[in-house]
Amino acid sequence: LCLPLPATFTEVPKDVTVREGDDIEMPCAFRASGSTSYSLEIQWWYFKEPARELAHELAISVPGSRSKVIQYRTYLCYRPTPVYVPVNTA
């Protein structure tokens, strides 16, 4: 069920390049108007796939050797969704 909401995402995560082990921040800001209370739910997906092999990414090896360097690109995908939160006035 998807309802139109009087809400705007004022900041969404941007692409970043990091090294393994680096901490990252992925800010996301949300603004809703009116008297209805909302919260923000963000779903994250983590994908890892081989990057395109370029000549400089392959290890130079002795003939017959099967070793090579394969670099990976990692994708962290998100879907921000405004969620209606009923306010208990009792």
Protein backbone atom coordinates (compact mmCIF):
# COMPACT_ATOMS: atom_id res chain seq x y z
CA LEU A 1 0.00 0.00 0.00
CA CYS A 2 1.46 3.30 -1.05
CA LEU A 3 -0.16 6.52 0.08
CA PRO A 4 0.74 10.00 -1.17
CA LEU A 5 2.27 11.92 1.72
CA PRO A 6 2.96 15.63 2.23
CA ALA A 7 6.65 14.90 2.66
CA THR A 8 9.98 15.70 1.05
CA PHE A 9 13.41 14.11 1.20
CA THR A 10 15.71 17.08 1.68
CA GLU A 11 18.95 15.09 1.60
CA VAL A 12 19.73 11.66 0.15
CA PRO A 13 22.96 9.62 0.26
CA LYS A 14 25.50 10.33 -2.47
CA ASP A 15 28.01 8.05 -4.21
CA VAL A 16 31.27 7.70 -2.30
CA THR A 17 34.53 5.90 -2.97
CA VAL A 18 36.13 4.23 0.05
CA ARG A 19 38.74 1.64 0.87
CA GLU A 20 38.06 -1.58 2.73
CA GLY A 21 37.71 -0.89 6.45
CA ASP A 22 36.81 2.80 6.01
CA ASP A 23 33.83 4.14 7.95
CA ILE A 24 31.20 5.83 5.84
CA GLU A 25 28.34 8.18 6.56
CA MET A 26 25.28 8.20 4.36
CA PRO A 27 23.09 11.08 5.52
CA CYS A 28 19.41 11.19 4.71
CA ALA A 29 17.01 13.95 5.76
CA PHE A 30 13.24 13.99 5.61
CA ARG A 31 10.67 16.73 6.17
CA ALA A 32 6.93 16.20 6.56
CA SER A 33 4.28 18.87 6.90
CA GLY A 34 0.95 18.90 8.65
CA SER A 35 -0.17 17.49 11.97
CA THR A 36 0.40 13.85 11.02
CA SER A 37 3.45 12.24 12.62
CA TYR A 38 5.92 10.39 10.38
CA SER A 39 9.13 8.48 10.82
CA LEU A 40 11.68 7.47 8.22
CA GLU A 41 12.45 3.86 7.37
CA ILE A 42 15.47 3.18 5.19
CA GLN A 43 16.11 -0.23 3.69
CA TRP A 44 19.70 -0.99 2.67
CA TRP A 45 20.99 -3.60 0.24
CA TYR A 46 24.61 -4.65 -0.08
CA PHE A 47 25.84 -5.92 -3.45
CA LYS A 48 29.31 -7.05 -4.39
CA GLU A 49 30.26 -7.82 -7.98
CA PRO A 50 33.50 -8.10 -9.95
CA ALA A 51 34.66 -4.84 -11.46
CA ARG A 52 35.52 -4.76 -15.14
CA GLU A 53 38.93 -6.31 -15.63
CA LEU A 54 41.36 -3.78 -16.99
CA ALA A 55 44.86 -4.62 -18.16
CA HIS A 56 46.48 -2.90 -15.17
CA GLU A 57 44.25 -4.85 -12.74
CA LEU A 58 45.47 -8.25 -13.89
CA ALA A 59 48.47 -9.74 -12.12
CA ILE A 60 51.47 -10.43 -14.30
CA SER A 61 52.18 -14.12 -13.97
CA VAL A 62 54.43 -16.82 -15.31
CA PRO A 63 52.96 -18.82 -18.23
CA GLY A 64 50.82 -21.62 -16.83
CA SER A 65 50.02 -19.74 -13.64
CA ARG A 66 46.32 -19.23 -12.98
CA SER A 67 46.55 -16.46 -10.43
CA LYS A 68 45.21 -13.02 -11.17
CA VAL A 69 43.94 -10.06 -9.21
CA ILE A 70 40.20 -9.48 -9.30
CA GLN A 71 38.94 -6.26 -7.80
CA TYR A 72 35.35 -5.90 -6.68
CA ARG A 73 32.95 -3.01 -6.63
CA THR A 74 30.57 -2.87 -3.72
CA TYR A 75 27.19 -1.21 -3.95
CA LEU A 76 25.15 -0.12 -0.96
CA CYS A 77 21.68 0.65 -2.24
CA TYR A 78 18.87 2.24 -0.30
CA ARG A 79 15.19 3.00 -0.52
CA PRO A 80 13.97 5.69 1.89
CA THR A 81 10.28 5.36 2.68
CA PRO A 82 8.18 7.72 4.81
CA VAL A 83 6.13 5.71 7.30
CA TYR A 84 2.99 7.01 8.99
CA VAL A 85 3.22 6.76 12.77
CA PRO A 86 -0.12 7.12 14.57
CA VAL A 87 0.15 9.33 17.65
CA ASN A 88 -1.51 7.96 20.77
CA THR A 89 -3.44 10.88 22.26
CA ALA A 90 -5.10 8.86 25.03
